[in-house]
Protein backbone atom coordinates (compact mmCIF):
# COMPACT_ATOMS: atom_id res chain seq x y z
CA MET A 1 123.59 108.02 109.07
CA PRO A 2 121.03 110.71 109.93
CA ASP A 3 118.89 110.43 113.02
CA PRO A 4 115.42 108.99 112.42
CA ILE A 5 112.85 111.52 111.31
CA ALA A 6 109.32 111.29 112.66
CA VAL A 7 106.83 111.71 109.85
CA THR A 8 103.10 111.75 109.43
CA ILE A 9 101.89 110.00 106.31
CA THR A 10 98.56 110.94 104.79
CA ARG A 11 96.63 110.31 101.62
CA GLU A 12 96.67 113.29 99.31
CA HIS A 13 95.46 113.93 95.80
CA PHE A 14 98.07 112.93 93.22
CA ASP A 15 98.07 116.44 91.72
CA ALA A 16 98.31 118.37 95.01
CA PRO A 17 101.20 120.86 95.01
CA ASP A 18 103.54 119.14 97.48
CA GLY A 19 103.19 115.75 95.79
CA ALA A 20 103.74 117.36 92.40
CA ALA A 21 106.89 119.07 93.71
CA LEU A 22 108.24 115.79 95.10
CA ARG A 23 107.52 113.99 91.83
CA GLN A 24 109.31 116.76 89.91
CA ALA A 25 112.32 116.42 92.22
CA GLN A 26 112.27 112.69 91.49
CA ARG A 27 112.10 113.34 87.77
CA ASP A 28 115.04 115.75 87.99
CA GLU A 29 117.10 113.15 89.86
CA LEU A 30 116.23 110.42 87.35
CA ASP A 31 117.06 112.73 84.44
CA ALA A 32 120.48 113.33 86.03
CA ARG A 33 121.06 109.55 86.31
CA TYR A 34 119.63 108.42 82.98
CA GLY A 35 119.63 111.50 80.76
CA ARG A 36 116.70 113.62 79.72
CA ASP A 37 115.34 111.09 77.23
CA ASP A 38 112.07 109.46 78.20
CA HIS A 39 113.41 106.73 80.47
CA GLU A 40 110.09 105.40 81.73
CA PRO A 41 108.34 102.77 79.63
CA GLY A 42 104.55 102.65 79.57
CA ALA A 43 101.83 105.06 80.53
CA LYS A 44 102.84 107.84 82.88
CA PRO A 45 101.09 107.77 86.26
CA THR A 46 98.16 110.15 86.64
CA ALA A 47 95.59 110.99 89.29
CA ASP A 48 93.23 108.55 87.57
CA SER A 49 95.69 105.66 87.44
CA VAL A 50 97.18 106.22 90.93
CA PRO A 51 94.14 106.55 93.20
CA ILE A 52 96.19 106.10 96.37
CA PHE A 53 98.97 108.63 96.80
CA LEU A 54 100.70 109.19 100.13
CA VAL A 55 102.85 112.09 101.29
CA ALA A 56 105.19 111.98 104.30
CA ARG A 57 105.54 115.21 106.28
CA THR A 58 107.81 116.23 109.11
CA ALA A 59 106.43 117.75 112.31
CA ASP A 60 106.67 121.23 110.78
CA GLY A 61 104.62 120.15 107.75
CA THR A 62 107.47 119.85 105.26
CA ALA A 63 106.73 117.24 102.60
CA VAL A 64 109.76 114.93 102.44
CA GLY A 65 108.54 111.84 100.62
CA CYS A 66 105.78 110.23 98.61
CA GLY A 67 104.55 107.06 96.98
CA GLY A 68 101.47 105.73 95.28
CA LEU A 69 99.63 102.59 94.25
CA ARG A 70 98.47 101.88 90.73
CA PRO A 71 96.02 98.94 90.63
CA LEU A 72 96.87 96.33 88.02
CA PRO A 73 94.28 94.71 85.77
CA ASP A 74 95.30 91.19 86.80
CA GLY A 75 95.20 91.95 90.53
CA GLY A 76 97.68 93.47 92.92
CA ALA A 77 99.09 96.94 92.53
CA GLU A 78 102.26 98.60 91.38
CA ILE A 79 104.16 101.00 93.61
CA LYS A 80 104.63 104.26 91.71
CA ARG A 81 106.54 107.47 92.37
CA MET A 82 108.19 106.29 95.57
CA PHE A 83 110.58 109.10 96.42
CA VAL A 84 112.25 110.62 99.47
CA HIS A 85 113.92 114.00 99.32
CA PRO A 86 117.71 113.65 99.65
CA SER A 87 117.66 115.66 102.90
CA ALA A 88 115.51 112.96 104.54
CA ARG A 89 117.22 109.84 103.19
CA GLY A 90 118.65 107.33 105.62
CA ALA A 91 116.29 108.45 108.36
CA GLY A 92 113.53 105.84 108.00
CA VAL A 93 111.18 107.87 105.81
CA SER A 94 111.24 105.49 102.87
CA THR A 95 110.49 102.51 105.12
CA ALA A 96 107.58 104.39 106.71
CA ILE A 97 106.13 105.23 103.28
CA LEU A 98 106.58 101.68 102.02
CA ARG A 99 104.86 100.19 105.08
CA ALA A 100 102.00 102.69 104.71
CA LEU A 101 101.60 101.71 101.05
CA GLU A 102 101.53 98.04 102.04
CA ASP A 103 98.87 98.79 104.66
CA GLU A 104 96.80 100.64 102.06
CA ALA A 105 97.11 97.66 99.71
CA ARG A 106 96.01 95.24 102.43
CA GLY A 107 93.06 97.53 103.14
CA LEU A 108 92.02 97.08 99.51
CA GLY A 109 92.26 93.31 99.89
CA LEU A 110 95.40 93.06 97.78
CA ASP A 111 97.91 90.34 98.51
CA ARG A 112 100.83 91.35 96.27
CA LEU A 113 102.73 94.48 95.32
CA VAL A 114 105.12 94.87 92.41
CA LEU A 115 107.43 97.67 91.40
CA GLU A 116 109.99 98.75 88.86
CA THR A 117 113.19 100.57 89.59
CA GLY A 118 116.16 101.40 87.43
CA THR A 119 119.53 99.80 86.99
CA ALA A 120 121.24 103.10 87.91
CA GLN A 121 119.52 103.23 91.31
CA PRO A 122 121.58 100.89 93.52
CA ASP A 123 120.28 102.44 96.74
CA ALA A 124 116.68 101.74 95.72
CA ILE A 125 117.55 98.18 94.71
CA ARG A 126 119.20 97.52 98.08
CA PHE A 127 116.30 99.15 99.92
CA TYR A 128 113.61 97.05 98.27
CA GLN A 129 115.56 93.84 98.74
CA ARG A 130 116.19 94.68 102.39
CA GLU A 131 112.45 95.26 102.83
CA GLY A 132 111.53 91.82 101.49
CA TYR A 133 110.97 92.50 97.80
CA THR A 134 112.38 89.83 95.51
CA PRO A 135 113.41 90.14 91.87
CA ILE A 136 110.81 89.07 89.31
CA PRO A 137 110.82 89.01 85.52
CA LEU A 138 110.13 92.34 83.86
CA PHE A 139 106.37 92.82 83.55
CA GLY A 140 103.98 94.92 81.49
CA PRO A 141 105.58 97.94 79.85
CA TYR A 142 108.98 97.11 81.33
CA VAL A 143 109.43 93.90 79.30
CA GLY A 144 112.50 94.40 77.16
CA SER A 145 113.65 97.55 78.95
CA PRO A 146 117.42 97.42 79.49
CA LEU A 147 117.15 100.00 82.30
CA SER A 148 114.45 98.27 84.36
CA LEU A 149 114.51 95.84 87.26
CA CYS A 150 111.25 94.55 88.77
CA PHE A 151 110.48 93.30 92.25
CA ALA A 152 107.48 91.87 94.12
CA ARG A 153 106.39 91.11 97.66
CA ALA A 154 103.52 88.98 98.86
CA LEU A 155 101.54 90.76 101.55
CA THR A 156 100.33 88.87 104.56
CA PRO A 157 97.13 89.94 106.31
């Protein structure tokens, strides 16, 4: 397992270059796992739909991870575009991003986060379960998707 990596996590615009590059790397990885067909049900995240977008950077400024929050119409928010570059995996970056997203959600007065991940992402499934996210029925655009698994976590103040 790699040594822990110290990161600084800041809010950045969804369309800023480093975030866009990380999201493209995520897309490339998902395409390799699921094929190049459109494997994401529902509306694609945008700067308008993901008003909180965080980027994790190493001490030298290298962007190594990201994640965002998309508010849901019935309350709560959905975690979107959570991704850590393979070179930084296993070093605590994903946990740091997740905790920062949870803090952002609490700051908005939200008490619950939900997310979707894919059946071909066992590491992500284990990560979310380890971090206290429990399986829930498929919601919204994921209902009926054979490739989707959904999770939720209640946030305490």
